[in-house]
N, C-alpha and C. Protein backbone atom coordinates (compact mmCIF):
# COMPACT_ATOMS: atom_id res chain seq x y z
N UNK A 1 -53.25 -25.81 -52.58
CA UNK A 1 -52.23 -26.06 -53.42
C UNK A 1 -52.16 -26.68 -54.59
N UNK A 2 -53.69 -27.30 -54.65
CA UNK A 2 -53.83 -27.85 -56.00
C UNK A 2 -53.98 -26.84 -57.11
N UNK A 3 -54.76 -26.10 -56.65
CA UNK A 3 -54.82 -24.79 -57.55
C UNK A 3 -53.69 -24.19 -57.93
N UNK A 4 -52.63 -24.17 -57.46
CA UNK A 4 -51.27 -23.72 -57.83
C UNK A 4 -50.70 -24.34 -58.85
N UNK A 5 -50.82 -25.76 -58.59
CA UNK A 5 -50.20 -26.74 -59.58
C UNK A 5 -50.87 -26.53 -61.15
N UNK A 6 -52.16 -26.60 -60.82
CA UNK A 6 -52.92 -26.27 -61.91
C UNK A 6 -52.55 -24.98 -62.60
N UNK A 7 -52.61 -23.82 -62.08
CA UNK A 7 -52.14 -22.79 -62.72
C UNK A 7 -50.77 -22.75 -63.29
N UNK A 8 -49.99 -23.25 -62.63
CA UNK A 8 -48.53 -23.60 -63.37
C UNK A 8 -48.71 -24.33 -64.52
N UNK A 9 -49.45 -25.58 -64.47
CA UNK A 9 -49.63 -26.10 -65.89
C UNK A 9 -49.97 -25.08 -66.87
N UNK A 10 -51.26 -24.52 -66.45
CA UNK A 10 -51.69 -23.72 -67.72
C UNK A 10 -50.77 -22.59 -67.91
N UNK A 11 -50.01 -22.02 -67.28
CA UNK A 11 -48.77 -21.19 -67.72
C UNK A 11 -47.80 -21.85 -68.55
N UNK A 12 -47.60 -23.20 -68.31
CA UNK A 12 -46.72 -24.13 -69.28
C UNK A 12 -47.48 -24.26 -70.58
N UNK A 13 -48.77 -24.74 -70.63
CA UNK A 13 -49.35 -24.80 -71.72
C UNK A 13 -49.58 -23.10 -72.36
N UNK A 14 -49.78 -22.29 -72.02
CA UNK A 14 -49.78 -20.86 -72.64
C UNK A 14 -48.58 -20.47 -73.03
N UNK A 15 -47.55 -21.07 -72.56
CA UNK A 15 -46.02 -20.51 -72.95
C UNK A 15 -45.66 -21.58 -73.91
N UNK A 16 -46.28 -22.64 -74.36
CA UNK A 16 -45.96 -23.82 -75.23
C UNK A 16 -44.88 -24.65 -74.55
N UNK A 17 -44.46 -24.79 -73.34
CA UNK A 17 -43.41 -25.21 -72.72
C UNK A 17 -43.52 -26.50 -72.53
N UNK A 18 -43.43 -27.52 -73.25
CA UNK A 18 -43.49 -28.89 -73.21
C UNK A 18 -42.66 -29.70 -71.91
N UNK A 19 -41.33 -29.17 -71.91
CA UNK A 19 -40.56 -29.70 -70.85
C UNK A 19 -41.27 -29.36 -69.46
N UNK A 20 -42.00 -28.22 -69.21
CA UNK A 20 -42.45 -27.58 -67.90
C UNK A 20 -43.89 -28.57 -67.70
N UNK A 21 -44.48 -28.91 -69.10
CA UNK A 21 -45.76 -29.46 -69.03
C UNK A 21 -45.36 -30.98 -68.69
N UNK A 22 -44.44 -31.47 -69.14
CA UNK A 22 -43.97 -32.93 -68.82
C UNK A 22 -43.65 -33.03 -67.37
N UNK A 23 -42.76 -31.95 -66.72
CA UNK A 23 -42.65 -32.23 -65.42
C UNK A 23 -43.73 -32.25 -64.40
N UNK A 24 -45.07 -31.43 -64.72
CA UNK A 24 -45.79 -31.55 -63.90
C UNK A 24 -46.96 -32.42 -64.10
N UNK A 25 -46.59 -33.36 -65.06
CA UNK A 25 -47.69 -34.68 -65.20
C UNK A 25 -47.29 -35.51 -64.48
N UNK A 26 -48.23 -36.38 -63.67
CA UNK A 26 -47.67 -37.42 -62.81
C UNK A 26 -47.52 -38.77 -64.06
N UNK A 27 -46.58 -39.48 -63.45
CA UNK A 27 -46.05 -40.71 -64.37
C UNK A 27 -47.31 -41.24 -65.25
N UNK A 28 -48.09 -41.63 -64.49
CA UNK A 28 -49.71 -42.32 -64.90
C UNK A 28 -50.79 -41.27 -65.31
N UNK A 29 -50.21 -40.05 -65.73
CA UNK A 29 -51.39 -38.80 -66.21
C UNK A 29 -52.12 -39.39 -67.13
N UNK A 30 -53.36 -39.12 -67.00
CA UNK A 30 -54.56 -39.41 -67.77
C UNK A 30 -55.21 -37.93 -68.54
N UNK A 31 -55.10 -37.99 -69.94
CA UNK A 31 -55.52 -37.05 -70.52
C UNK A 31 -56.76 -37.49 -71.21
N UNK A 32 -57.88 -36.60 -71.15
CA UNK A 32 -59.34 -36.63 -71.87
C UNK A 32 -59.82 -35.76 -72.56
N UNK A 33 -59.96 -35.81 -73.87
CA UNK A 33 -60.34 -34.56 -74.54
C UNK A 33 -61.75 -34.26 -74.59
N UNK A 34 -62.11 -33.47 -75.31
CA UNK A 34 -63.66 -33.10 -75.45
C UNK A 34 -64.51 -34.03 -76.37
N UNK A 35 -63.77 -35.04 -77.04
CA UNK A 35 -64.55 -35.91 -77.63
C UNK A 35 -64.19 -37.38 -77.01
N UNK A 36 -64.20 -37.30 -75.76
CA UNK A 36 -63.78 -38.47 -75.05
C UNK A 36 -62.72 -39.20 -75.27
N UNK A 37 -61.57 -38.69 -75.98
CA UNK A 37 -60.79 -39.91 -76.49
C UNK A 37 -59.60 -39.80 -75.20
N UNK A 38 -59.14 -40.95 -75.08
CA UNK A 38 -58.05 -41.00 -73.72
C UNK A 38 -56.78 -41.10 -74.17
N UNK A 39 -55.83 -40.48 -73.66
CA UNK A 39 -54.26 -40.59 -73.69
C UNK A 39 -53.57 -41.07 -72.41
N UNK A 40 -52.89 -41.96 -72.46
CA UNK A 40 -52.24 -42.52 -71.07
C UNK A 40 -50.60 -41.98 -70.83
N UNK A 41 -50.41 -41.73 -69.71
CA UNK A 41 -48.85 -41.78 -69.69
C UNK A 41 -48.24 -40.17 -70.12
N UNK A 42 -47.28 -39.78 -69.18
CA UNK A 42 -46.84 -38.37 -69.52
C UNK A 42 -45.98 -38.55 -70.49
N UNK A 43 -45.21 -39.70 -71.07
CA UNK A 43 -44.61 -39.97 -72.20
C UNK A 43 -45.38 -39.78 -73.46
N UNK A 44 -46.31 -40.23 -73.50
CA UNK A 44 -47.46 -40.25 -74.75
C UNK A 44 -47.91 -38.64 -74.81
N UNK A 45 -48.17 -37.97 -73.89
CA UNK A 45 -48.59 -36.50 -73.62
C UNK A 45 -47.55 -35.97 -73.94
N UNK A 46 -46.11 -36.15 -73.77
CA UNK A 46 -45.20 -35.00 -74.33
C UNK A 46 -45.16 -34.82 -75.81
N UNK A 47 -45.64 -36.03 -76.55
CA UNK A 47 -45.68 -35.93 -78.15
C UNK A 47 -47.10 -35.35 -78.27
N UNK A 48 -48.15 -35.72 -77.58
CA UNK A 48 -49.24 -35.10 -77.91
C UNK A 48 -49.10 -33.55 -77.96
N UNK A 49 -48.76 -32.99 -76.73
CA UNK A 49 -48.61 -31.50 -76.55
C UNK A 49 -47.67 -31.15 -77.54
N UNK A 50 -46.88 -31.80 -78.22
CA UNK A 50 -45.83 -31.17 -79.24
C UNK A 50 -46.52 -31.41 -80.61
N UNK A 51 -47.52 -32.43 -80.73
CA UNK A 51 -48.35 -32.17 -82.07
C UNK A 51 -49.40 -31.38 -81.97
N UNK A 52 -49.96 -31.06 -80.80
CA UNK A 52 -51.01 -29.84 -80.44
C UNK A 52 -50.54 -28.52 -80.88
N UNK A 53 -49.26 -28.33 -80.34
CA UNK A 53 -48.63 -27.18 -80.47
C UNK A 53 -48.42 -26.82 -82.04
N UNK A 54 -47.78 -27.81 -82.67
CA UNK A 54 -47.56 -27.53 -84.19
C UNK A 54 -48.88 -27.42 -84.79
N UNK A 55 -49.90 -27.73 -84.56
CA UNK A 55 -51.25 -27.36 -84.93
C UNK A 55 -51.68 -26.04 -84.69
N UNK A 56 -51.51 -25.50 -83.36
CA UNK A 56 -52.19 -24.28 -82.83
C UNK A 56 -50.77 -23.93 -81.97
N UNK A 57 -49.82 -23.22 -82.47
CA UNK A 57 -48.76 -22.59 -81.68
C UNK A 57 -48.95 -21.60 -80.59
N UNK A 58 -49.91 -20.87 -80.74
CA UNK A 58 -50.63 -19.76 -79.93
C UNK A 58 -51.81 -20.35 -79.11
N UNK A 59 -51.78 -21.60 -78.75
CA UNK A 59 -53.11 -22.14 -77.92
C UNK A 59 -52.98 -21.72 -76.74
N UNK A 60 -54.09 -21.28 -76.20
CA UNK A 60 -54.26 -20.39 -74.93
C UNK A 60 -55.16 -20.72 -73.93
N UNK A 61 -55.16 -20.81 -72.73
CA UNK A 61 -56.28 -21.15 -71.79
C UNK A 61 -56.50 -20.05 -71.14
N UNK A 62 -57.91 -19.45 -70.56
CA UNK A 62 -57.89 -18.26 -70.01
C UNK A 62 -59.10 -18.96 -69.03
N UNK A 63 -58.72 -18.74 -68.07
CA UNK A 63 -59.68 -19.17 -66.79
C UNK A 63 -60.29 -17.92 -66.04
N UNK A 64 -61.62 -18.19 -65.99
CA UNK A 64 -62.72 -16.99 -65.06
C UNK A 64 -62.89 -17.58 -64.04
N UNK A 65 -63.05 -18.82 -63.73
CA UNK A 65 -63.65 -19.48 -62.71
C UNK A 65 -62.40 -20.74 -62.00
N UNK A 66 -62.36 -20.81 -60.75
CA UNK A 66 -61.85 -22.19 -60.20
C UNK A 66 -62.80 -22.68 -58.95
N UNK A 67 -62.99 -23.97 -59.19
CA UNK A 67 -63.56 -24.43 -57.97
C UNK A 67 -62.57 -25.59 -57.74
N UNK A 68 -62.37 -25.80 -56.39
CA UNK A 68 -61.25 -26.52 -55.56
C UNK A 68 -62.10 -27.51 -54.50
N UNK A 69 -62.05 -28.79 -54.60
CA UNK A 69 -62.41 -29.64 -53.43
C UNK A 69 -61.19 -30.90 -53.72
N UNK A 70 -60.53 -30.68 -52.58
CA UNK A 70 -59.60 -31.72 -52.12
C UNK A 70 -58.43 -31.65 -53.43
N UNK A 71 -58.39 -32.64 -54.18
CA UNK A 71 -57.44 -32.80 -55.11
C UNK A 71 -58.25 -32.75 -56.41
N UNK A 72 -59.57 -32.46 -56.54
CA UNK A 72 -60.30 -32.36 -57.72
C UNK A 72 -60.62 -30.54 -57.87
N UNK A 73 -60.05 -30.35 -59.22
CA UNK A 73 -60.25 -28.80 -59.51
C UNK A 73 -61.06 -28.77 -60.77
N UNK A 74 -62.12 -27.90 -60.51
CA UNK A 74 -63.08 -27.43 -61.83
C UNK A 74 -62.41 -26.22 -62.13
N UNK A 75 -62.38 -25.83 -63.66
CA UNK A 75 -62.24 -24.46 -63.94
C UNK A 75 -62.89 -24.26 -65.41
N UNK A 76 -63.68 -22.85 -65.38
CA UNK A 76 -64.25 -22.61 -66.55
C UNK A 76 -63.90 -21.38 -67.07
N UNK A 77 -63.74 -21.19 -68.44
CA UNK A 77 -63.00 -20.19 -69.06
C UNK A 77 -63.11 -20.46 -70.70
N UNK A 78 -62.20 -19.97 -71.27
CA UNK A 78 -62.05 -20.16 -72.89
C UNK A 78 -60.87 -20.62 -73.18
N UNK A 79 -60.89 -21.43 -74.23
CA UNK A 79 -59.54 -22.16 -74.80
C UNK A 79 -59.62 -21.42 -76.43
N UNK A 80 -58.27 -21.02 -76.81
CA UNK A 80 -58.40 -20.20 -78.02
C UNK A 80 -57.05 -20.81 -78.68
N UNK A 81 -57.05 -20.39 -80.06
CA UNK A 81 -55.63 -20.58 -80.91
C UNK A 81 -55.97 -20.42 -82.18
N UNK A 82 -54.73 -20.17 -83.19
CA UNK A 82 -55.01 -20.06 -84.50
C UNK A 82 -54.35 -21.19 -85.18
N UNK A 83 -55.24 -21.67 -85.94
CA UNK A 83 -54.59 -23.05 -86.74
C UNK A 83 -53.51 -22.75 -87.66
N UNK A 84 -52.18 -23.29 -87.05
CA UNK A 84 -50.92 -23.26 -87.59
C UNK A 84 -50.55 -21.91 -87.77
N UNK A 85 -50.83 -20.90 -86.85
CA UNK A 85 -50.63 -19.48 -87.12
C UNK A 85 -50.69 -19.03 -88.59
N UNK A 86 -51.81 -19.61 -89.31
CA UNK A 86 -51.85 -19.04 -90.62
C UNK A 86 -53.17 -18.06 -90.50
N UNK A 87 -52.68 -16.68 -90.43
CA UNK A 87 -53.86 -15.60 -89.92
C UNK A 87 -54.37 -15.16 -91.46
N UNK A 88 -55.58 -15.51 -91.59
CA UNK A 88 -56.09 -14.94 -92.91
C UNK A 88 -56.53 -13.23 -92.75
N UNK A 89 -56.77 -12.75 -93.84
CA UNK A 89 -56.93 -11.45 -93.73
C UNK A 89 -58.26 -11.39 -92.93
N UNK A 90 -59.15 -12.34 -92.96
CA UNK A 90 -60.40 -12.29 -92.17
C UNK A 90 -60.19 -12.85 -90.59
N UNK A 91 -59.15 -13.41 -90.45
CA UNK A 91 -58.73 -14.09 -89.19
C UNK A 91 -59.54 -14.99 -88.80
N UNK A 92 -59.88 -15.98 -90.17
CA UNK A 92 -60.90 -16.79 -90.18
C UNK A 92 -60.34 -18.40 -89.38
N UNK A 93 -58.64 -18.13 -89.13
CA UNK A 93 -58.29 -19.69 -88.65
C UNK A 93 -57.91 -19.27 -87.09
N UNK A 94 -58.59 -18.18 -86.55
CA UNK A 94 -58.32 -18.17 -85.12
C UNK A 94 -59.65 -18.76 -84.64
N UNK A 95 -59.58 -19.30 -83.43
CA UNK A 95 -60.78 -19.75 -82.81
C UNK A 95 -60.74 -19.39 -81.15
N UNK A 96 -61.81 -19.33 -80.71
CA UNK A 96 -61.76 -19.06 -79.06
C UNK A 96 -63.39 -19.52 -78.82
N UNK A 97 -63.18 -20.56 -77.89
CA UNK A 97 -64.45 -21.32 -77.30
C UNK A 97 -64.67 -21.33 -75.98
N UNK A 98 -65.70 -21.33 -75.38
CA UNK A 98 -66.06 -21.69 -73.88
C UNK A 98 -65.72 -23.02 -73.56
N UNK A 99 -64.83 -23.16 -72.29
CA UNK A 99 -64.50 -24.49 -72.09
C UNK A 99 -64.33 -24.60 -70.48
N UNK A 100 -64.68 -25.69 -70.15
CA UNK A 100 -64.46 -26.18 -68.84
C UNK A 100 -63.31 -27.43 -68.51
N UNK A 101 -63.02 -27.20 -67.49
CA UNK A 101 -61.49 -28.50 -67.32
C UNK A 101 -62.04 -29.06 -65.95
N UNK A 102 -61.82 -30.52 -66.01
CA UNK A 102 -61.87 -31.09 -64.66
C UNK A 102 -60.48 -31.73 -64.44
N UNK A 103 -60.03 -31.48 -63.15
CA UNK A 103 -58.40 -31.57 -63.10
C UNK A 103 -57.96 -32.52 -61.70
N UNK A 104 -57.46 -33.65 -61.73
CA UNK A 104 -57.14 -34.44 -60.64
C UNK A 104 -55.87 -34.23 -60.49
N UNK A 105 -55.24 -33.59 -59.30
CA UNK A 105 -53.97 -33.30 -58.75
C UNK A 105 -53.60 -34.37 -57.72
N UNK A 106 -52.45 -35.03 -57.65
CA UNK A 106 -52.02 -35.92 -57.23
C UNK A 106 -50.45 -35.26 -56.66
N UNK A 107 -50.24 -34.91 -55.46
CA UNK A 107 -49.13 -34.46 -54.70
C UNK A 107 -48.94 -32.98 -55.77
N UNK A 108 -47.74 -32.85 -56.34
CA UNK A 108 -47.57 -31.63 -56.75
C UNK A 108 -47.64 -31.85 -58.35
N UNK A 109 -48.55 -32.76 -58.63
CA UNK A 109 -48.35 -32.93 -60.44
C UNK A 109 -49.81 -33.27 -60.55
N UNK A 110 -50.27 -33.32 -61.93
CA UNK A 110 -51.35 -33.33 -62.60
C UNK A 110 -51.83 -34.70 -62.92
N UNK A 111 -52.75 -35.51 -62.22
CA UNK A 111 -52.83 -36.94 -62.64
C UNK A 111 -53.97 -37.09 -63.66
N UNK A 112 -54.99 -36.44 -63.73
CA UNK A 112 -55.82 -36.17 -65.05
C UNK A 112 -56.11 -34.75 -65.34
N UNK A 113 -56.39 -34.51 -66.83
CA UNK A 113 -56.55 -33.33 -67.25
C UNK A 113 -57.54 -33.61 -68.40
N UNK A 114 -58.85 -33.12 -68.03
CA UNK A 114 -59.96 -33.16 -68.80
C UNK A 114 -60.72 -32.19 -69.14
N UNK A 115 -60.93 -31.84 -70.59
CA UNK A 115 -61.40 -30.84 -71.29
C UNK A 115 -62.99 -31.14 -71.55
N UNK A 116 -64.00 -29.93 -71.40
CA UNK A 116 -65.02 -30.02 -72.03
C UNK A 116 -65.38 -28.67 -72.80
N UNK A 117 -65.52 -29.10 -74.21
CA UNK A 117 -65.89 -27.99 -74.99
C UNK A 117 -66.38 -28.16 -76.26
N UNK A 118 -67.05 -27.57 -77.07
CA UNK A 118 -67.79 -28.09 -78.14
C UNK A 118 -66.48 -27.48 -79.35
N UNK A 119 -65.95 -28.38 -79.77
CA UNK A 119 -65.01 -28.17 -80.80
C UNK A 119 -65.35 -28.09 -82.42
N UNK A 120 -66.65 -28.16 -82.56
CA UNK A 120 -67.19 -28.02 -83.99
C UNK A 120 -66.38 -26.76 -84.95
N UNK A 121 -66.08 -25.38 -84.10
CA UNK A 121 -65.50 -24.71 -84.78
C UNK A 121 -64.16 -24.82 -85.22
N UNK A 122 -63.47 -25.58 -84.30
CA UNK A 122 -61.83 -26.10 -84.26
C UNK A 122 -62.02 -26.76 -85.57
N UNK A 123 -62.78 -27.85 -85.54
CA UNK A 123 -62.91 -28.92 -86.75
C UNK A 123 -63.07 -28.35 -87.86
N UNK A 124 -63.95 -27.57 -87.91
CA UNK A 124 -64.26 -26.68 -89.34
C UNK A 124 -63.31 -25.93 -89.85
N UNK A 125 -62.40 -25.32 -89.18
CA UNK A 125 -61.28 -24.68 -89.52
C UNK A 125 -60.10 -25.57 -90.05
N UNK A 126 -60.00 -26.76 -89.66
CA UNK A 126 -58.82 -27.68 -89.86
C UNK A 126 -59.53 -28.20 -91.28
N UNK A 127 -60.66 -28.53 -91.20
CA UNK A 127 -61.19 -29.16 -92.53
C UNK A 127 -61.25 -28.25 -93.61
N UNK A 128 -61.46 -26.79 -93.22
CA UNK A 128 -61.05 -25.87 -94.55
C UNK A 128 -59.77 -25.78 -95.22
N UNK A 129 -59.02 -26.07 -94.23
CA UNK A 129 -57.50 -25.69 -94.66
C UNK A 129 -56.80 -27.45 -95.00
N UNK A 130 -57.49 -28.21 -95.21
CA UNK A 130 -56.99 -29.53 -95.88
C UNK A 130 -56.60 -29.28 -97.10
């Protein structure tokens, strides 16, 4: 059951459906990014996802492998996006990086969403476009 909830969450992310993301998060949702920054609560994360989609409107998660152990889900794949949809002739604002996620499912909601990725490429693209 946990895998189904996680895949629904990914589908909501891939379609930038903030309302669906919000409804799938537990009230005490915890988000941890690849720099170990934490955000608590689904209301804070609604704003966080809206801001992220403003930066990367086509943000996408591709999952190649899922491991499930009770309420704990591990996923491996790729994250990608285009910075503010500014497609350069050389496509230099697009990025795709290997990523892993550690997710805790509570009932039919996401309690914790944690991503592991080397975001140096993304940071470089943002800094280049300032």
